[in-house]
Every structure is written in structure tokens, then in C-alpha cells.
């Protein structure tokens, strides 16, 4: 069996990235770990985010993966470069791909950024966007209620509509034409976000561009699976397997996922 691609997140949000990788690279196997027991990472001190991210990274590395995707914006902002330096496999985050995608779509260089408090405080998206196009003006907005909403499985109901409306009202009159969903949990809220904002604003998640980067790197290293083998996608959660499974099966449209509980750290 060929080596898998490791994907990790603070919870279930990274499934939005895993789904896109699975769609673009159907011959590849995925090993996913979501730290749902300690989610959300956004309000946590950087030291805790770094500690927890390293625990997941070591766990996945020990699964003999060939590449690691840190599918958490907060973790990407805090510890991506450190893990890239330490590991002998490619390691990518989701901030740079998301920024590149936003630059492709914006026409007036006014870009909104939704994220956890940790991601917004880091200004990681602003830095990435300014490197790509210095003329871009950004409108960052922390959304602390969004991740708990998704993790609870209540991302499609009336409560979600109410919370999204109350939060995004701050973006009214900013004249943005593009909005980055700067947390991998947020694409599960994307239909309601798009409904609230209207068709004049392009809403972007980083999953598509991240999957393209995974494909490009593995192709360059000649490590893409050439043929479809027996799938061994594995999903681990530090919290409730039942809640994780409900969202994962719905989002990935697969009722037969291999979902297991894991206790971290496991070095």
C-alpha cells in the first residue's frame, strides 16, 4: 500500500480540505486527525496551539505519511515553518493557498478575511496578500462563534443563520468583492454566508488551491499514486467519534468511513 497524505486540524474543519484532496487526487489515501477534544484553537495561547499541533504532527508522521497538510489556519500561522524545518517530508499550510486564490478573484483589491481570533491576530493573511499584491486592502473579522457552531453539528439551521447575520453585519459598506474563509471549518457555513452577502461577493475557501499544491508537490517528487489501489482512508478524532462521524459522513458523502478515537500525545 502506498504511503498516505496526512491531514490535521483542530477539529472537523479540515475535512473540507481533505474532501478536496480526495476529489482531485482519487488514487491517494488520506490519514486525518482532528483534535476535537481541544477545539477551538483560535482563542488559545500560541504556546498551546504549538504544543497541540506538534502532537498531531508527530502522530501523523509516525503513520509513515509522505506529505503533511496542516489544514488549520491558526496552527498554520503559529507553527508551520517550525514543522517544515523539522520534518523530512513536504509540509504545507492553508494560508498561502487561500491568499493566492483570493488574489485571482478580486477585481477591486478589497478583500475580507474571516478567521478565528488567533488567525486574525497573527495577520498571516494580510502578510501573504501584501506579498502577492501590495495594493490590496484587507478587512479582517474574527468570528469566535463559528467554530463551536460547526463542531456542534448545528451549521445548517436557524441558529447558524442568526449568528452569521449578527457577525457579518460588520462587513456591510466595506465594498469588498472577495471574502476569504480563513478557517477550514467555515466552508460548512458557506451556503448561509453566501446567501447573506449576496452574489456580488466571491467567497473563497482554501481547499481547492491547497489540493492543487498537494498535487503539484507530489508530482514534482514523483510520489503520486499512479493507479487506484484499495482505499485505506483513516480518520482519527480526540473527541466524540459519534459527533465527528455524523459530520464527516455527511460532508464526505460516505457512510463507511473508518473513524477511530485517539488519545494524544502518542509519540
Protein backbone atom coordinates (compact mmCIF):
# COMPACT_ATOMS: atom_id res chain seq x y z
CA UNK A 1 0.00 0.00 0.00
CA UNK A 2 1.37 3.41 -0.98
CA UNK A 3 2.10 5.99 1.68
CA UNK A 4 -0.77 8.31 2.61
CA UNK A 5 -1.18 12.07 2.78
CA UNK A 6 -1.57 13.28 6.36
CA UNK A 7 -4.16 15.98 7.09
CA UNK A 8 -4.68 17.52 10.50
CA UNK A 9 -6.94 20.14 12.04
CA UNK A 10 -8.15 21.41 15.39
CA UNK A 11 -11.42 19.58 14.72
CA UNK A 12 -13.66 18.64 11.81
CA UNK A 13 -12.99 21.72 9.68
CA UNK A 14 -10.00 20.16 7.94
CA UNK A 15 -12.42 17.70 6.34
CA UNK A 16 -13.19 20.49 3.86
CA UNK A 17 -9.56 20.31 2.72
CA UNK A 18 -9.44 16.50 2.87
CA UNK A 19 -12.56 16.33 0.69
CA UNK A 20 -10.94 18.46 -2.00
CA UNK A 21 -7.73 16.41 -1.92
CA UNK A 22 -9.78 13.23 -2.24
CA UNK A 23 -11.69 14.75 -5.16
CA UNK A 24 -8.62 15.99 -7.05
CA UNK A 25 -6.39 13.01 -6.18
CA UNK A 26 -8.72 9.98 -6.08
CA UNK A 27 -5.83 7.49 -6.13
CA UNK A 28 -4.36 8.82 -2.88
CA UNK A 29 -5.00 7.63 0.66
CA UNK A 30 -5.71 10.07 3.49
CA UNK A 31 -4.89 9.81 7.19
CA UNK A 32 -6.75 12.54 9.07
CA UNK A 33 -6.61 13.59 12.70
CA UNK A 34 -8.91 16.18 14.26
CA UNK A 35 -8.29 17.42 17.79
CA UNK A 36 -11.99 17.85 18.55
CA UNK A 37 -11.45 17.36 22.30
CA UNK A 38 -9.45 20.61 22.50
CA UNK A 39 -11.13 22.57 19.71
CA UNK A 40 -11.26 25.51 19.07
CA UNK A 41 -7.62 26.57 18.80
CA UNK A 42 -8.37 30.19 17.91
CA UNK A 43 -8.77 31.58 21.45
CA UNK A 44 -5.85 29.55 22.86
CA UNK A 45 -2.39 30.97 23.59
CA UNK A 46 0.18 30.36 20.86
CA UNK A 47 2.15 28.08 23.16
CA UNK A 48 -0.81 25.70 23.49
CA UNK A 49 -1.55 25.78 19.78
CA UNK A 50 2.08 24.92 19.08
CA UNK A 51 2.08 22.06 21.62
CA UNK A 52 -1.15 20.51 20.35
CA UNK A 53 -0.19 20.90 16.69
CA UNK A 54 3.13 19.19 17.30
CA UNK A 55 1.32 16.28 18.97
CA UNK A 56 -0.86 15.78 15.90
CA UNK A 57 2.07 16.24 13.54
CA UNK A 58 4.16 13.58 15.30
CA UNK A 59 1.21 11.21 15.39
CA UNK A 60 0.70 11.51 11.64
CA UNK A 61 4.42 11.37 10.87
CA UNK A 62 4.55 8.06 12.73
CA UNK A 63 1.89 6.76 10.32
CA UNK A 64 4.59 6.80 7.60
CA UNK A 65 2.90 9.57 5.59
CA UNK A 66 4.58 11.09 2.52
CA UNK A 67 3.24 14.63 2.99
CA UNK A 68 1.58 16.65 5.75
CA UNK A 69 -1.16 19.23 5.31
CA UNK A 70 -1.82 21.48 8.30
CA UNK A 71 -5.47 22.18 7.50
CA UNK A 72 -5.90 24.65 10.35
CA UNK A 73 -5.32 28.34 9.79
CA UNK A 74 -4.49 29.04 13.42
CA UNK A 75 -1.91 26.25 13.54
CA UNK A 76 -0.51 27.27 10.15
CA UNK A 77 0.04 30.80 11.41
CA UNK A 78 1.75 29.66 14.61
CA UNK A 79 3.95 26.68 13.77
CA UNK A 80 4.06 25.85 10.03
CA UNK A 81 7.65 26.95 9.42
CA UNK A 82 8.91 25.15 12.51
CA UNK A 83 7.41 21.82 11.42
CA UNK A 84 8.59 22.33 7.83
CA UNK A 85 12.14 22.68 9.12
CA UNK A 86 11.94 19.65 11.42
CA UNK A 87 10.35 17.07 9.07
CA UNK A 88 11.93 15.37 6.08
CA UNK A 89 8.64 15.32 4.13
CA UNK A 90 6.79 18.23 2.48
CA UNK A 91 4.62 20.19 4.93
CA UNK A 92 2.15 22.83 3.76
CA UNK A 93 -0.48 25.01 5.38
CA UNK A 94 -3.66 26.62 4.10
CA UNK A 95 -2.98 30.35 4.37
CA UNK A 96 -0.80 30.88 1.29
CA UNK A 97 -3.11 28.84 -0.97
CA UNK A 98 -6.13 30.78 0.28
CA UNK A 99 -4.41 34.11 -0.32
CA UNK A 100 -3.40 33.12 -3.85
CA UNK A 101 -6.95 32.14 -4.65
CA UNK A 102 -8.32 35.46 -3.36
CA UNK A 103 -5.87 37.45 -5.48
CA UNK A 104 -7.06 35.56 -8.56
CA UNK A 105 -10.67 36.59 -7.99
CA UNK A 106 -10.62 40.13 -6.63
CA UNK A 107 -11.24 42.93 -9.10
CA UNK A 108 -11.17 45.92 -6.75
CA UNK A 109 -8.40 44.74 -4.37
CA UNK A 110 -10.72 44.90 -1.35
CA UNK A 111 -10.69 41.54 0.43
CA UNK A 112 -12.49 40.49 3.60
CA UNK A 113 -10.94 37.87 5.87
CA UNK A 114 -12.95 35.74 8.30
CA UNK A 115 -10.98 33.77 10.86
CA UNK A 116 -10.53 32.71 14.46
CA UNK A 117 -9.22 35.29 16.89
CA UNK A 118 -5.79 33.65 16.72
CA UNK A 119 -5.61 33.77 12.93
CA UNK A 120 -6.83 37.36 12.77
CA UNK A 121 -4.36 38.49 15.45
CA UNK A 122 -1.50 36.84 13.59
CA UNK A 123 -2.14 38.98 10.47
CA UNK A 124 -0.87 36.00 8.48
CA UNK A 125 -3.33 36.56 5.64
CA UNK A 126 -2.52 40.25 5.41
CA UNK A 127 1.17 39.40 5.15
CA UNK A 128 0.61 36.77 2.48
CA UNK A 129 -1.73 39.00 0.46
CA UNK A 130 0.61 42.00 0.62
CA UNK A 131 3.47 39.87 -0.70
CA UNK A 132 1.31 38.84 -3.64
CA UNK A 133 -0.15 42.29 -4.37
CA UNK A 134 0.79 45.29 -2.20
CA UNK A 135 -2.23 47.33 -3.35
CA UNK A 136 -4.74 45.01 -1.66
CA UNK A 137 -6.78 46.45 1.22
CA UNK A 138 -7.95 43.92 3.80
CA UNK A 139 -10.93 43.81 6.15
CA UNK A 140 -10.26 41.15 8.82
CA UNK A 141 -13.03 39.94 11.11
CA UNK A 142 -12.74 37.46 13.97
CA UNK A 143 -15.67 35.05 14.19
CA UNK A 144 -15.33 33.26 17.57
CA UNK A 145 -18.79 31.68 17.42
CA UNK A 146 -18.35 29.96 14.05
CA UNK A 147 -16.12 27.01 15.03
CA UNK A 148 -18.25 25.90 18.02
CA UNK A 149 -21.29 26.14 15.75
CA UNK A 150 -19.74 23.76 13.22
CA UNK A 151 -18.29 21.39 15.82
CA UNK A 152 -21.73 21.03 17.40
CA UNK A 153 -23.20 19.96 14.05
CA UNK A 154 -25.56 22.96 14.01
CA UNK A 155 -24.09 24.52 10.87
CA UNK A 156 -27.20 24.46 8.70
CA UNK A 157 -30.05 25.59 10.94
CA UNK A 158 -31.73 28.77 12.10
CA UNK A 159 -29.13 29.36 14.83
CA UNK A 160 -26.37 29.38 12.21
CA UNK A 161 -28.27 31.95 10.14
CA UNK A 162 -28.73 34.18 13.18
CA UNK A 163 -25.09 34.02 14.30
CA UNK A 164 -23.77 34.59 10.76
CA UNK A 165 -26.02 37.61 10.23
CA UNK A 166 -25.03 39.15 13.57
CA UNK A 167 -21.33 38.64 12.82
CA UNK A 168 -21.11 39.63 9.17
CA UNK A 169 -23.09 42.84 9.54
CA UNK A 170 -19.70 44.42 10.31
CA UNK A 171 -18.66 43.84 6.70
CA UNK A 172 -21.55 45.84 5.29
CA UNK A 173 -20.45 49.02 3.50
CA UNK A 174 -16.83 47.84 3.16
CA UNK A 175 -17.24 47.36 -0.61
CA UNK A 176 -15.28 44.12 -0.57
CA UNK A 177 -15.69 41.95 -3.65
CA UNK A 178 -13.92 38.86 -2.27
CA UNK A 179 -14.12 37.12 1.11
CA UNK A 180 -11.62 34.57 2.40
CA UNK A 181 -12.96 31.88 4.70
CA UNK A 182 -9.80 31.88 6.82
CA UNK A 183 -10.72 28.81 8.84
CA UNK A 184 -11.29 25.37 7.39
CA UNK A 185 -14.44 24.98 9.49
CA UNK A 186 -16.13 27.87 7.71
CA UNK A 187 -16.86 26.20 4.33
CA UNK A 188 -19.53 24.18 6.12
CA UNK A 189 -21.22 27.55 6.72
CA UNK A 190 -20.54 28.81 3.20
CA UNK A 191 -24.08 28.43 1.78
CA UNK A 192 -25.50 30.63 4.54
CA UNK A 193 -22.62 33.10 4.30
CA UNK A 194 -23.12 33.44 0.55
CA UNK A 195 -26.87 33.85 0.99
CA UNK A 196 -26.34 36.66 3.50
CA UNK A 197 -23.69 38.51 1.48
CA UNK A 198 -25.32 38.16 -1.92
CA UNK A 199 -23.91 37.33 -5.36
CA UNK A 200 -21.66 40.40 -5.69
CA UNK A 201 -19.08 38.95 -3.26
CA UNK A 202 -16.97 35.91 -4.17
CA UNK A 203 -16.50 33.63 -1.17
CA UNK A 204 -13.29 31.60 -1.17
CA UNK A 205 -12.09 28.63 0.84
CA UNK A 206 -8.54 27.35 0.65
CA UNK A 207 -9.38 23.69 -0.01
CA UNK A 208 -9.24 23.79 -3.79
CA UNK A 209 -5.96 25.68 -4.01
CA UNK A 210 -4.41 23.59 -1.22
CA UNK A 211 -5.28 20.38 -3.07
CA UNK A 212 -3.67 21.79 -6.23
CA UNK A 213 -0.50 22.49 -4.25
CA UNK A 214 -0.51 18.95 -2.82
CA UNK A 215 -0.83 17.57 -6.34
CA UNK A 216 1.94 19.77 -7.73
CA UNK A 217 4.40 18.91 -4.96
CA UNK A 218 3.78 15.17 -5.14
CA UNK A 219 4.04 15.23 -8.93
CA UNK A 220 7.35 17.09 -8.73
CA UNK A 221 8.64 14.50 -6.26
CA UNK A 222 7.28 11.66 -8.43
CA UNK A 223 5.21 10.42 -5.47
CA UNK A 224 1.69 10.46 -6.90
CA UNK A 225 -0.10 7.11 -6.86
CA UNK A 226 -0.20 6.01 -10.49
CA UNK A 227 -3.18 3.73 -10.15
CA UNK A 228 -6.21 3.23 -7.97
CA UNK A 229 -5.47 0.78 -5.17
CA UNK A 230 -7.61 -0.39 -2.29
CA UNK A 231 -8.52 2.71 -0.30
CA UNK A 232 -7.37 2.90 3.29
CA UNK A 233 -8.54 6.35 4.33
CA UNK A 234 -8.42 6.62 8.11
CA UNK A 235 -9.94 9.31 10.30
CA UNK A 236 -8.94 9.90 13.92
CA UNK A 237 -10.56 12.18 16.47
CA UNK A 238 -9.54 13.04 20.02
CA UNK A 239 -13.16 13.69 20.95
CA UNK A 240 -16.52 12.06 20.27
CA UNK A 241 -16.33 9.59 17.40
CA UNK A 242 -20.12 9.77 17.10
CA UNK A 243 -20.31 13.54 16.56
CA UNK A 244 -17.25 13.53 14.32
CA UNK A 245 -18.69 10.66 12.32
CA UNK A 246 -22.04 12.37 11.79
CA UNK A 247 -20.44 15.44 10.24
CA UNK A 248 -17.74 13.52 8.37
CA UNK A 249 -20.15 11.09 6.75
CA UNK A 250 -22.46 13.89 5.70
CA UNK A 251 -19.70 16.16 4.38
CA UNK A 252 -17.76 13.42 2.60
CA UNK A 253 -20.94 11.65 1.46
CA UNK A 254 -19.63 8.30 2.61
CA UNK A 255 -21.36 6.12 5.18
CA UNK A 256 -18.47 3.67 5.50
CA UNK A 257 -15.66 5.81 6.88
CA UNK A 258 -13.01 4.29 9.13
CA UNK A 259 -13.26 6.56 12.19
CA UNK A 260 -11.29 5.89 15.36
CA UNK A 261 -10.73 7.65 18.65
CA UNK A 262 -7.13 8.51 19.50
CA UNK A 263 -5.52 9.84 22.64
CA UNK A 264 -2.68 12.32 22.09
CA UNK A 265 0.24 12.57 22.52
CA UNK A 266 1.29 9.24 21.07
CA UNK A 267 4.96 9.53 20.12
